[in-house]
Amino acid sequence: CPPLSLPGSMQELQDLCKKLHAKIESV
C-alpha cells in the first residue's frame, strides 16, 4: 500500500476511485 496522496481536483479523485475499484474487483 503506497502512501495515499489525495489529488486536488474532482476529476483526479474520480480516476483514483476507479483505479481502486478495479483493484478491488481483481482482488
mmCIF file of all heavy atoms, coordinates in Angstrom:
data_MODEL
# 
_entry.id   MODEL 
# 
loop_
_atom_site.group_PDB 
_atom_site.id 
_atom_site.type_symbol 
_atom_site.label_atom_id 
_atom_site.label_alt_id 
_atom_site.label_comp_id 
_atom_site.label_asym_id 
_atom_site.label_entity_id 
_atom_site.label_seq_id 
_atom_site.pdbx_PDB_ins_code 
_atom_site.Cartn_x 
_atom_site.Cartn_y 
_atom_site.Cartn_z 
_atom_site.occupancy 
_atom_site.B_iso_or_equiv 
_atom_site.pdbx_formal_charge 
_atom_site.auth_seq_id 
_atom_site.auth_comp_id 
_atom_site.auth_asym_id 
_atom_site.auth_atom_id 
_atom_site.pdbx_PDB_model_num 
ATOM 1   N N   . CYS A 1 1  ? 0.848   -1.200  0.000   1.00 0.00 ? 1  CYS A N   1 
ATOM 2   C CA  . CYS A 1 1  ? 0.000   0.000   0.000   1.00 0.00 ? 1  CYS A CA  1 
ATOM 3   C C   . CYS A 1 1  ? 0.887   1.254   0.000   1.00 0.00 ? 1  CYS A C   1 
ATOM 4   O O   . CYS A 1 1  ? 1.402   1.644   1.050   1.00 0.00 ? 1  CYS A O   1 
ATOM 5   C CB  . CYS A 1 1  ? -0.906  0.014   1.232   1.00 0.00 ? 1  CYS A CB  1 
ATOM 6   S SG  . CYS A 1 1  ? -1.972  -1.423  1.341   1.00 0.00 ? 1  CYS A SG  1 
ATOM 7   N N   . PRO A 1 2  ? 1.018   1.854   -1.142  1.00 0.00 ? 2  PRO A N   1 
ATOM 8   C CA  . PRO A 1 2  ? 1.809   3.094   -1.164  1.00 0.00 ? 2  PRO A CA  1 
ATOM 9   C C   . PRO A 1 2  ? 1.074   4.179   -0.383  1.00 0.00 ? 2  PRO A C   1 
ATOM 10  O O   . PRO A 1 2  ? -0.152  4.117   -0.191  1.00 0.00 ? 2  PRO A O   1 
ATOM 11  C CB  . PRO A 1 2  ? 1.907   3.427   -2.652  1.00 0.00 ? 2  PRO A CB  1 
ATOM 12  C CG  . PRO A 1 2  ? 0.772   2.711   -3.289  1.00 0.00 ? 2  PRO A CG  1 
ATOM 13  C CD  . PRO A 1 2  ? 0.486   1.521   -2.443  1.00 0.00 ? 2  PRO A CD  1 
ATOM 14  N N   . PRO A 1 3  ? 1.792   5.181   0.059   1.00 0.00 ? 3  PRO A N   1 
ATOM 15  C CA  . PRO A 1 3  ? 1.118   6.245   0.819   1.00 0.00 ? 3  PRO A CA  1 
ATOM 16  C C   . PRO A 1 3  ? 0.060   6.944   -0.040  1.00 0.00 ? 3  PRO A C   1 
ATOM 17  O O   . PRO A 1 3  ? 0.232   7.137   -1.243  1.00 0.00 ? 3  PRO A O   1 
ATOM 18  C CB  . PRO A 1 3  ? 2.252   7.195   1.188   1.00 0.00 ? 3  PRO A CB  1 
ATOM 19  C CG  . PRO A 1 3  ? 3.388   6.827   0.317   1.00 0.00 ? 3  PRO A CG  1 
ATOM 20  C CD  . PRO A 1 3  ? 3.196   5.413   -0.094  1.00 0.00 ? 3  PRO A CD  1 
ATOM 21  N N   . LEU A 1 4  ? -1.025  7.278   0.596   1.00 0.00 ? 4  LEU A N   1 
ATOM 22  C CA  . LEU A 1 4  ? -2.160  7.865   -0.105  1.00 0.00 ? 4  LEU A CA  1 
ATOM 23  C C   . LEU A 1 4  ? -1.921  9.358   -0.325  1.00 0.00 ? 4  LEU A C   1 
ATOM 24  O O   . LEU A 1 4  ? -1.632  10.107  0.602   1.00 0.00 ? 4  LEU A O   1 
ATOM 25  C CB  . LEU A 1 4  ? -3.438  7.663   0.733   1.00 0.00 ? 4  LEU A CB  1 
ATOM 26  C CG  . LEU A 1 4  ? -4.745  8.099   0.088   1.00 0.00 ? 4  LEU A CG  1 
ATOM 27  C CD1 . LEU A 1 4  ? -5.027  7.290   -1.177  1.00 0.00 ? 4  LEU A CD1 1 
ATOM 28  C CD2 . LEU A 1 4  ? -5.883  7.945   1.068   1.00 0.00 ? 4  LEU A CD2 1 
ATOM 29  N N   . SER A 1 5  ? -2.048  9.743   -1.596  1.00 0.00 ? 5  SER A N   1 
ATOM 30  C CA  . SER A 1 5  ? -1.937  11.178  -1.909  1.00 0.00 ? 5  SER A CA  1 
ATOM 31  C C   . SER A 1 5  ? -3.248  11.585  -2.578  1.00 0.00 ? 5  SER A C   1 
ATOM 32  O O   . SER A 1 5  ? -3.580  11.114  -3.660  1.00 0.00 ? 5  SER A O   1 
ATOM 33  C CB  . SER A 1 5  ? -0.750  11.436  -2.835  1.00 0.00 ? 5  SER A CB  1 
ATOM 34  O OG  . SER A 1 5  ? -0.900  10.704  -4.030  1.00 0.00 ? 5  SER A OG  1 
ATOM 35  N N   . LEU A 1 6  ? -3.996  12.399  -1.922  1.00 0.00 ? 6  LEU A N   1 
ATOM 36  C CA  . LEU A 1 6  ? -5.289  12.818  -2.455  1.00 0.00 ? 6  LEU A CA  1 
ATOM 37  C C   . LEU A 1 6  ? -5.080  13.973  -3.436  1.00 0.00 ? 6  LEU A C   1 
ATOM 38  O O   . LEU A 1 6  ? -4.463  14.988  -3.105  1.00 0.00 ? 6  LEU A O   1 
ATOM 39  C CB  . LEU A 1 6  ? -6.210  13.262  -1.324  1.00 0.00 ? 6  LEU A CB  1 
ATOM 40  C CG  . LEU A 1 6  ? -6.665  12.146  -0.376  1.00 0.00 ? 6  LEU A CG  1 
ATOM 41  C CD1 . LEU A 1 6  ? -7.490  12.724  0.751   1.00 0.00 ? 6  LEU A CD1 1 
ATOM 42  C CD2 . LEU A 1 6  ? -7.468  11.113  -1.129  1.00 0.00 ? 6  LEU A CD2 1 
ATOM 43  N N   . PRO A 1 7  ? -5.585  13.769  -4.643  1.00 0.00 ? 7  PRO A N   1 
ATOM 44  C CA  . PRO A 1 7  ? -5.458  14.854  -5.627  1.00 0.00 ? 7  PRO A CA  1 
ATOM 45  C C   . PRO A 1 7  ? -6.387  16.016  -5.278  1.00 0.00 ? 7  PRO A C   1 
ATOM 46  O O   . PRO A 1 7  ? -7.384  15.852  -4.581  1.00 0.00 ? 7  PRO A O   1 
ATOM 47  C CB  . PRO A 1 7  ? -5.848  14.177  -6.933  1.00 0.00 ? 7  PRO A CB  1 
ATOM 48  C CG  . PRO A 1 7  ? -6.608  12.951  -6.556  1.00 0.00 ? 7  PRO A CG  1 
ATOM 49  C CD  . PRO A 1 7  ? -6.201  12.586  -5.169  1.00 0.00 ? 7  PRO A CD  1 
ATOM 50  N N   . GLY A 1 8  ? -6.069  17.145  -5.834  1.00 0.00 ? 8  GLY A N   1 
ATOM 51  C CA  . GLY A 1 8  ? -6.841  18.353  -5.524  1.00 0.00 ? 8  GLY A CA  1 
ATOM 52  C C   . GLY A 1 8  ? -8.099  18.483  -6.358  1.00 0.00 ? 8  GLY A C   1 
ATOM 53  O O   . GLY A 1 8  ? -9.110  19.001  -5.904  1.00 0.00 ? 8  GLY A O   1 
ATOM 54  N N   . SER A 1 9  ? -8.126  18.018  -7.621  1.00 0.00 ? 9  SER A N   1 
ATOM 55  C CA  . SER A 1 9  ? -9.297  18.233  -8.472  1.00 0.00 ? 9  SER A CA  1 
ATOM 56  C C   . SER A 1 9  ? -10.249 17.050  -8.378  1.00 0.00 ? 9  SER A C   1 
ATOM 57  O O   . SER A 1 9  ? -9.890  15.956  -7.965  1.00 0.00 ? 9  SER A O   1 
ATOM 58  C CB  . SER A 1 9  ? -8.863  18.429  -9.931  1.00 0.00 ? 9  SER A CB  1 
ATOM 59  O OG  . SER A 1 9  ? -8.370  17.204  -10.442 1.00 0.00 ? 9  SER A OG  1 
ATOM 60  N N   . MET A 1 10 ? -11.466 17.279  -8.793  1.00 0.00 ? 10 MET A N   1 
ATOM 61  C CA  . MET A 1 10 ? -12.519 16.276  -8.731  1.00 0.00 ? 10 MET A CA  1 
ATOM 62  C C   . MET A 1 10 ? -12.266 15.156  -9.730  1.00 0.00 ? 10 MET A C   1 
ATOM 63  O O   . MET A 1 10 ? -12.511 13.985  -9.433  1.00 0.00 ? 10 MET A O   1 
ATOM 64  C CB  . MET A 1 10 ? -13.857 16.962  -9.005  1.00 0.00 ? 10 MET A CB  1 
ATOM 65  C CG  . MET A 1 10 ? -15.029 16.057  -8.827  1.00 0.00 ? 10 MET A CG  1 
ATOM 66  S SD  . MET A 1 10 ? -15.132 15.547  -7.112  1.00 0.00 ? 10 MET A SD  1 
ATOM 67  C CE  . MET A 1 10 ? -16.819 15.803  -6.816  1.00 0.00 ? 10 MET A CE  1 
ATOM 68  N N   . GLN A 1 11 ? -11.788 15.510  -10.941 1.00 0.00 ? 11 GLN A N   1 
ATOM 69  C CA  . GLN A 1 11 ? -11.534 14.520  -11.976 1.00 0.00 ? 11 GLN A CA  1 
ATOM 70  C C   . GLN A 1 11 ? -10.454 13.521  -11.512 1.00 0.00 ? 11 GLN A C   1 
ATOM 71  O O   . GLN A 1 11 ? -10.610 12.320  -11.689 1.00 0.00 ? 11 GLN A O   1 
ATOM 72  C CB  . GLN A 1 11 ? -11.096 15.213  -13.282 1.00 0.00 ? 11 GLN A CB  1 
ATOM 73  C CG  . GLN A 1 11 ? -10.901 14.280  -14.460 1.00 0.00 ? 11 GLN A CG  1 
ATOM 74  C CD  . GLN A 1 11 ? -12.190 13.553  -14.854 1.00 0.00 ? 11 GLN A CD  1 
ATOM 75  O OE1 . GLN A 1 11 ? -13.301 14.088  -14.738 1.00 0.00 ? 11 GLN A OE1 1 
ATOM 76  N NE2 . GLN A 1 11 ? -12.040 12.320  -15.306 1.00 0.00 ? 11 GLN A NE2 1 
ATOM 77  N N   . GLU A 1 12 ? -9.380  13.993  -10.925 1.00 0.00 ? 12 GLU A N   1 
ATOM 78  C CA  . GLU A 1 12 ? -8.319  13.120  -10.436 1.00 0.00 ? 12 GLU A CA  1 
ATOM 79  C C   . GLU A 1 12 ? -8.819  12.223  -9.306  1.00 0.00 ? 12 GLU A C   1 
ATOM 80  O O   . GLU A 1 12 ? -8.433  11.055  -9.199  1.00 0.00 ? 12 GLU A O   1 
ATOM 81  C CB  . GLU A 1 12 ? -7.132  13.950  -9.960  1.00 0.00 ? 12 GLU A CB  1 
ATOM 82  C CG  . GLU A 1 12 ? -6.397  14.671  -11.069 1.00 0.00 ? 12 GLU A CG  1 
ATOM 83  C CD  . GLU A 1 12 ? -5.318  15.581  -10.529 1.00 0.00 ? 12 GLU A CD  1 
ATOM 84  O OE1 . GLU A 1 12 ? -5.199  15.726  -9.283  1.00 0.00 ? 12 GLU A OE1 1 
ATOM 85  O OE2 . GLU A 1 12 ? -4.589  16.153  -11.351 1.00 0.00 ? 12 GLU A OE2 1 
ATOM 86  N N   . LEU A 1 13 ? -9.700  12.756  -8.482  1.00 0.00 ? 13 LEU A N   1 
ATOM 87  C CA  . LEU A 1 13 ? -10.272 11.967  -7.387  1.00 0.00 ? 13 LEU A CA  1 
ATOM 88  C C   . LEU A 1 13 ? -11.134 10.829  -7.938  1.00 0.00 ? 13 LEU A C   1 
ATOM 89  O O   . LEU A 1 13 ? -11.084 9.705   -7.443  1.00 0.00 ? 13 LEU A O   1 
ATOM 90  C CB  . LEU A 1 13 ? -11.094 12.875  -6.476  1.00 0.00 ? 13 LEU A CB  1 
ATOM 91  C CG  . LEU A 1 13 ? -11.492 12.334  -5.120  1.00 0.00 ? 13 LEU A CG  1 
ATOM 92  C CD1 . LEU A 1 13 ? -10.259 11.929  -4.331  1.00 0.00 ? 13 LEU A CD1 1 
ATOM 93  C CD2 . LEU A 1 13 ? -12.296 13.353  -4.353  1.00 0.00 ? 13 LEU A CD2 1 
ATOM 94  N N   . GLN A 1 14 ? -11.927 11.107  -8.998  1.00 0.00 ? 14 GLN A N   1 
ATOM 95  C CA  . GLN A 1 14 ? -12.748 10.073  -9.621  1.00 0.00 ? 14 GLN A CA  1 
ATOM 96  C C   . GLN A 1 14 ? -11.866 9.007   -10.278 1.00 0.00 ? 14 GLN A C   1 
ATOM 97  O O   . GLN A 1 14 ? -12.169 7.802   -10.204 1.00 0.00 ? 14 GLN A O   1 
ATOM 98  C CB  . GLN A 1 14 ? -13.697 10.696  -10.643 1.00 0.00 ? 14 GLN A CB  1 
ATOM 99  C CG  . GLN A 1 14 ? -14.843 11.457  -10.008 1.00 0.00 ? 14 GLN A CG  1 
ATOM 100 C CD  . GLN A 1 14 ? -15.749 12.120  -11.042 1.00 0.00 ? 14 GLN A CD  1 
ATOM 101 O OE1 . GLN A 1 14 ? -15.379 12.233  -12.223 1.00 0.00 ? 14 GLN A OE1 1 
ATOM 102 N NE2 . GLN A 1 14 ? -16.909 12.585  -10.595 1.00 0.00 ? 14 GLN A NE2 1 
ATOM 103 N N   . ASP A 1 15 ? -10.786 9.421   -10.946 1.00 0.00 ? 15 ASP A N   1 
ATOM 104 C CA  . ASP A 1 15 ? -9.868  8.454   -11.552 1.00 0.00 ? 15 ASP A CA  1 
ATOM 105 C C   . ASP A 1 15 ? -9.258  7.545   -10.483 1.00 0.00 ? 15 ASP A C   1 
ATOM 106 O O   . ASP A 1 15 ? -9.114  6.336   -10.688 1.00 0.00 ? 15 ASP A O   1 
ATOM 107 C CB  . ASP A 1 15 ? -8.762  9.179   -12.329 1.00 0.00 ? 15 ASP A CB  1 
ATOM 108 C CG  . ASP A 1 15 ? -9.290  9.857   -13.598 1.00 0.00 ? 15 ASP A CG  1 
ATOM 109 O OD1 . ASP A 1 15 ? -10.383 9.453   -14.068 1.00 0.00 ? 15 ASP A OD1 1 
ATOM 110 O OD2 . ASP A 1 15 ? -8.618  10.770  -14.110 1.00 0.00 ? 15 ASP A OD2 1 
ATOM 111 N N   . LEU A 1 16 ? -8.894  8.141   -9.349  1.00 0.00 ? 16 LEU A N   1 
ATOM 112 C CA  . LEU A 1 16 ? -8.331  7.363   -8.249  1.00 0.00 ? 16 LEU A CA  1 
ATOM 113 C C   . LEU A 1 16 ? -9.341  6.341   -7.739  1.00 0.00 ? 16 LEU A C   1 
ATOM 114 O O   . LEU A 1 16 ? -9.008  5.177   -7.481  1.00 0.00 ? 16 LEU A O   1 
ATOM 115 C CB  . LEU A 1 16 ? -7.898  8.291   -7.116  1.00 0.00 ? 16 LEU A CB  1 
ATOM 116 C CG  . LEU A 1 16 ? -7.294  7.596   -5.889  1.00 0.00 ? 16 LEU A CG  1 
ATOM 117 C CD1 . LEU A 1 16 ? -5.975  6.926   -6.260  1.00 0.00 ? 16 LEU A CD1 1 
ATOM 118 C CD2 . LEU A 1 16 ? -7.113  8.586   -4.776  1.00 0.00 ? 16 LEU A CD2 1 
ATOM 119 N N   . CYS A 1 17 ? -10.613 6.760   -7.622  1.00 0.00 ? 17 CYS A N   1 
ATOM 120 C CA  . CYS A 1 17 ? -11.670 5.842   -7.167  1.00 0.00 ? 17 CYS A CA  1 
ATOM 121 C C   . CYS A 1 17 ? -11.867 4.706   -8.165  1.00 0.00 ? 17 CYS A C   1 
ATOM 122 O O   . CYS A 1 17 ? -12.040 3.543   -7.772  1.00 0.00 ? 17 CYS A O   1 
ATOM 123 C CB  . CYS A 1 17 ? -12.986 6.590   -6.965  1.00 0.00 ? 17 CYS A CB  1 
ATOM 124 S SG  . CYS A 1 17 ? -12.994 7.647   -5.510  1.00 0.00 ? 17 CYS A SG  1 
ATOM 125 N N   . LYS A 1 18 ? -11.837 5.015   -9.469  1.00 0.00 ? 18 LYS A N   1 
ATOM 126 C CA  . LYS A 1 18 ? -11.990 3.971   -10.492 1.00 0.00 ? 18 LYS A CA  1 
ATOM 127 C C   . LYS A 1 18 ? -10.844 2.964   -10.401 1.00 0.00 ? 18 LYS A C   1 
ATOM 128 O O   . LYS A 1 18 ? -11.055 1.757   -10.513 1.00 0.00 ? 18 LYS A O   1 
ATOM 129 C CB  . LYS A 1 18 ? -12.045 4.598   -11.879 1.00 0.00 ? 18 LYS A CB  1 
ATOM 130 C CG  . LYS A 1 18 ? -13.351 5.295   -12.159 1.00 0.00 ? 18 LYS A CG  1 
ATOM 131 C CD  . LYS A 1 18 ? -13.363 5.910   -13.542 1.00 0.00 ? 18 LYS A CD  1 
ATOM 132 C CE  . LYS A 1 18 ? -14.646 6.708   -13.785 1.00 0.00 ? 18 LYS A CE  1 
ATOM 133 N NZ  . LYS A 1 18 ? -14.663 7.358   -15.092 1.00 0.00 ? 18 LYS A NZ  1 
ATOM 134 N N   . LYS A 1 19 ? -9.604  3.458   -10.193 1.00 0.00 ? 19 LYS A N   1 
ATOM 135 C CA  . LYS A 1 19 ? -8.456  2.560   -10.068 1.00 0.00 ? 19 LYS A CA  1 
ATOM 136 C C   . LYS A 1 19 ? -8.607  1.654   -8.840  1.00 0.00 ? 19 LYS A C   1 
ATOM 137 O O   . LYS A 1 19 ? -8.343  0.459   -8.888  1.00 0.00 ? 19 LYS A O   1 
ATOM 138 C CB  . LYS A 1 19 ? -7.158  3.356   -9.953  1.00 0.00 ? 19 LYS A CB  1 
ATOM 139 C CG  . LYS A 1 19 ? -6.696  3.978   -11.231 1.00 0.00 ? 19 LYS A CG  1 
ATOM 140 C CD  . LYS A 1 19 ? -5.396  4.751   -10.997 1.00 0.00 ? 19 LYS A CD  1 
ATOM 141 C CE  . LYS A 1 19 ? -4.998  5.532   -12.233 1.00 0.00 ? 19 LYS A CE  1 
ATOM 142 N NZ  . LYS A 1 19 ? -3.774  6.324   -11.986 1.00 0.00 ? 19 LYS A NZ  1 
ATOM 143 N N   . LEU A 1 20 ? -9.064  2.272   -7.743  1.00 0.00 ? 20 LEU A N   1 
ATOM 144 C CA  . LEU A 1 20 ? -9.242  1.485   -6.519  1.00 0.00 ? 20 LEU A CA  1 
ATOM 145 C C   . LEU A 1 20 ? -10.324 0.411   -6.701  1.00 0.00 ? 20 LEU A C   1 
ATOM 146 O O   . LEU A 1 20 ? -10.170 -0.722  -6.241  1.00 0.00 ? 20 LEU A O   1 
ATOM 147 C CB  . LEU A 1 20 ? -9.587  2.395   -5.346  1.00 0.00 ? 20 LEU A CB  1 
ATOM 148 C CG  . LEU A 1 20 ? -8.451  3.270   -4.817  1.00 0.00 ? 20 LEU A CG  1 
ATOM 149 C CD1 . LEU A 1 20 ? -8.972  4.198   -3.730  1.00 0.00 ? 20 LEU A CD1 1 
ATOM 150 C CD2 . LEU A 1 20 ? -7.325  2.409   -4.287  1.00 0.00 ? 20 LEU A CD2 1 
ATOM 151 N N   . HIS A 1 21 ? -11.426 0.781   -7.385  1.00 0.00 ? 21 HIS A N   1 
ATOM 152 C CA  . HIS A 1 21 ? -12.496 -0.196  -7.637  1.00 0.00 ? 21 HIS A CA  1 
ATOM 153 C C   . HIS A 1 21 ? -11.986 -1.321  -8.536  1.00 0.00 ? 21 HIS A C   1 
ATOM 154 O O   . HIS A 1 21 ? -12.330 -2.507  -8.325  1.00 0.00 ? 21 HIS A O   1 
ATOM 155 C CB  . HIS A 1 21 ? -13.715 0.482   -8.265  1.00 0.00 ? 21 HIS A CB  1 
ATOM 156 C CG  . HIS A 1 21 ? -14.585 1.176   -7.272  1.00 0.00 ? 21 HIS A CG  1 
ATOM 157 N ND1 . HIS A 1 21 ? -15.368 0.520   -6.375  1.00 0.00 ? 21 HIS A ND1 1 
ATOM 158 C CD2 . HIS A 1 21 ? -14.789 2.507   -7.052  1.00 0.00 ? 21 HIS A CD2 1 
ATOM 159 C CE1 . HIS A 1 21 ? -16.020 1.399   -5.630  1.00 0.00 ? 21 HIS A CE1 1 
ATOM 160 N NE2 . HIS A 1 21 ? -15.687 2.626   -6.025  1.00 0.00 ? 21 HIS A NE2 1 
ATOM 161 N N   . ALA A 1 22 ? -11.181 -1.024  -9.535  1.00 0.00 ? 22 ALA A N   1 
ATOM 162 C CA  . ALA A 1 22 ? -10.617 -2.055  -10.419 1.00 0.00 ? 22 ALA A CA  1 
ATOM 163 C C   . ALA A 1 22 ? -9.721  -3.010  -9.611  1.00 0.00 ? 22 ALA A C   1 
ATOM 164 O O   . ALA A 1 22 ? -9.774  -4.237  -9.793  1.00 0.00 ? 22 ALA A O   1 
ATOM 165 C CB  . ALA A 1 22 ? -9.840  -1.401  -11.547 1.00 0.00 ? 22 ALA A CB  1 
ATOM 166 N N   . LYS A 1 23 ? -8.906  -2.433  -8.698  1.00 0.00 ? 23 LYS A N   1 
ATOM 167 C CA  . LYS A 1 23 ? -8.048  -3.278  -7.862  1.00 0.00 ? 23 LYS A CA  1 
ATOM 168 C C   . LYS A 1 23 ? -8.887  -4.157  -6.938  1.00 0.00 ? 23 LYS A C   1 
ATOM 169 O O   . LYS A 1 23 ? -8.579  -5.339  -6.734  1.00 0.00 ? 23 LYS A O   1 
ATOM 170 C CB  . LYS A 1 23 ? -7.096  -2.425  -7.028  1.00 0.00 ? 23 LYS A CB  1 
ATOM 171 C CG  . LYS A 1 23 ? -5.930  -1.880  -7.807  1.00 0.00 ? 23 LYS A CG  1 
ATOM 172 C CD  . LYS A 1 23 ? -4.960  -1.161  -6.891  1.00 0.00 ? 23 LYS A CD  1 
ATOM 173 C CE  . LYS A 1 23 ? -3.791  -0.616  -7.688  1.00 0.00 ? 23 LYS A CE  1 
ATOM 174 N NZ  . LYS A 1 23 ? -2.816  0.069   -6.813  1.00 0.00 ? 23 LYS A NZ  1 
ATOM 175 N N   . ILE A 1 24 ? -9.954  -3.582  -6.399  1.00 0.00 ? 24 ILE A N   1 
ATOM 176 C CA  . ILE A 1 24 ? -10.828 -4.350  -5.505  1.00 0.00 ? 24 ILE A CA  1 
ATOM 177 C C   . ILE A 1 24 ? -11.453 -5.520  -6.259  1.00 0.00 ? 24 ILE A C   1 
ATOM 178 O O   . ILE A 1 24 ? -11.537 -6.633  -5.754  1.00 0.00 ? 24 ILE A O   1 
ATOM 179 C CB  . ILE A 1 24 ? -11.910 -3.440  -4.881  1.00 0.00 ? 24 ILE A CB  1 
ATOM 180 C CG1 . ILE A 1 24 ? -11.281 -2.497  -3.865  1.00 0.00 ? 24 ILE A CG1 1 
ATOM 181 C CG2 . ILE A 1 24 ? -13.014 -4.263  -4.230  1.00 0.00 ? 24 ILE A CG2 1 
ATOM 182 C CD1 . ILE A 1 24 ? -12.227 -1.432  -3.340  1.00 0.00 ? 24 ILE A CD1 1 
ATOM 183 N N   . GLU A 1 25 ? -11.906 -5.268  -7.517  1.00 0.00 ? 25 GLU A N   1 
ATOM 184 C CA  . GLU A 1 25 ? -12.514 -6.329  -8.313  1.00 0.00 ? 25 GLU A CA  1 
ATOM 185 C C   . GLU A 1 25 ? -11.509 -7.443  -8.609  1.00 0.00 ? 25 GLU A C   1 
ATOM 186 O O   . GLU A 1 25 ? -11.836 -8.644  -8.499  1.00 0.00 ? 25 GLU A O   1 
ATOM 187 C CB  . GLU A 1 25 ? -13.067 -5.766  -9.612  1.00 0.00 ? 25 GLU A CB  1 
ATOM 188 C CG  . GLU A 1 25 ? -14.343 -4.970  -9.441  1.00 0.00 ? 25 GLU A CG  1 
ATOM 189 C CD  . GLU A 1 25 ? -14.837 -4.383  -10.765 1.00 0.00 ? 25 GLU A CD  1 
ATOM 190 O OE1 . GLU A 1 25 ? -14.332 -4.797  -11.827 1.00 0.00 ? 25 GLU A OE1 1 
ATOM 191 O OE2 . GLU A 1 25 ? -15.727 -3.533  -10.710 1.00 0.00 ? 25 GLU A OE2 1 
ATOM 192 N N   . SER A 1 26 ? -10.279 -7.057  -8.960  1.00 0.00 ? 26 SER A N   1 
ATOM 193 C CA  . SER A 1 26 ? -9.271  -8.084  -9.262  1.00 0.00 ? 26 SER A CA  1 
ATOM 194 C C   . SER A 1 26 ? -8.929  -8.901  -7.999  1.00 0.00 ? 26 SER A C   1 
ATOM 195 O O   . SER A 1 26 ? -8.773  -10.124 -8.061  1.00 0.00 ? 26 SER A O   1 
ATOM 196 C CB  . SER A 1 26 ? -8.016  -7.457  -9.849  1.00 0.00 ? 26 SER A CB  1 
ATOM 197 O OG  . SER A 1 26 ? -7.360  -6.671  -8.876  1.00 0.00 ? 26 SER A OG  1 
ATOM 198 N N   . VAL A 1 27 ? -8.871  -8.228  -6.854  1.00 0.00 ? 27 VAL A N   1 
ATOM 199 C CA  . VAL A 1 27 ? -8.592  -8.943  -5.596  1.00 0.00 ? 27 VAL A CA  1 
ATOM 200 C C   . VAL A 1 27 ? -9.746  -9.877  -5.254  1.00 0.00 ? 27 VAL A C   1 
ATOM 201 O O   . VAL A 1 27 ? -9.538  -11.012 -4.803  1.00 0.00 ? 27 VAL A O   1 
ATOM 202 C CB  . VAL A 1 27 ? -8.323  -7.932  -4.464  1.00 0.00 ? 27 VAL A CB  1 
ATOM 203 C CG1 . VAL A 1 27 ? -8.321  -8.607  -3.112  1.00 0.00 ? 27 VAL A CG1 1 
ATOM 204 C CG2 . VAL A 1 27 ? -7.011  -7.219  -4.700  1.00 0.00 ? 27 VAL A CG2 1 
# 
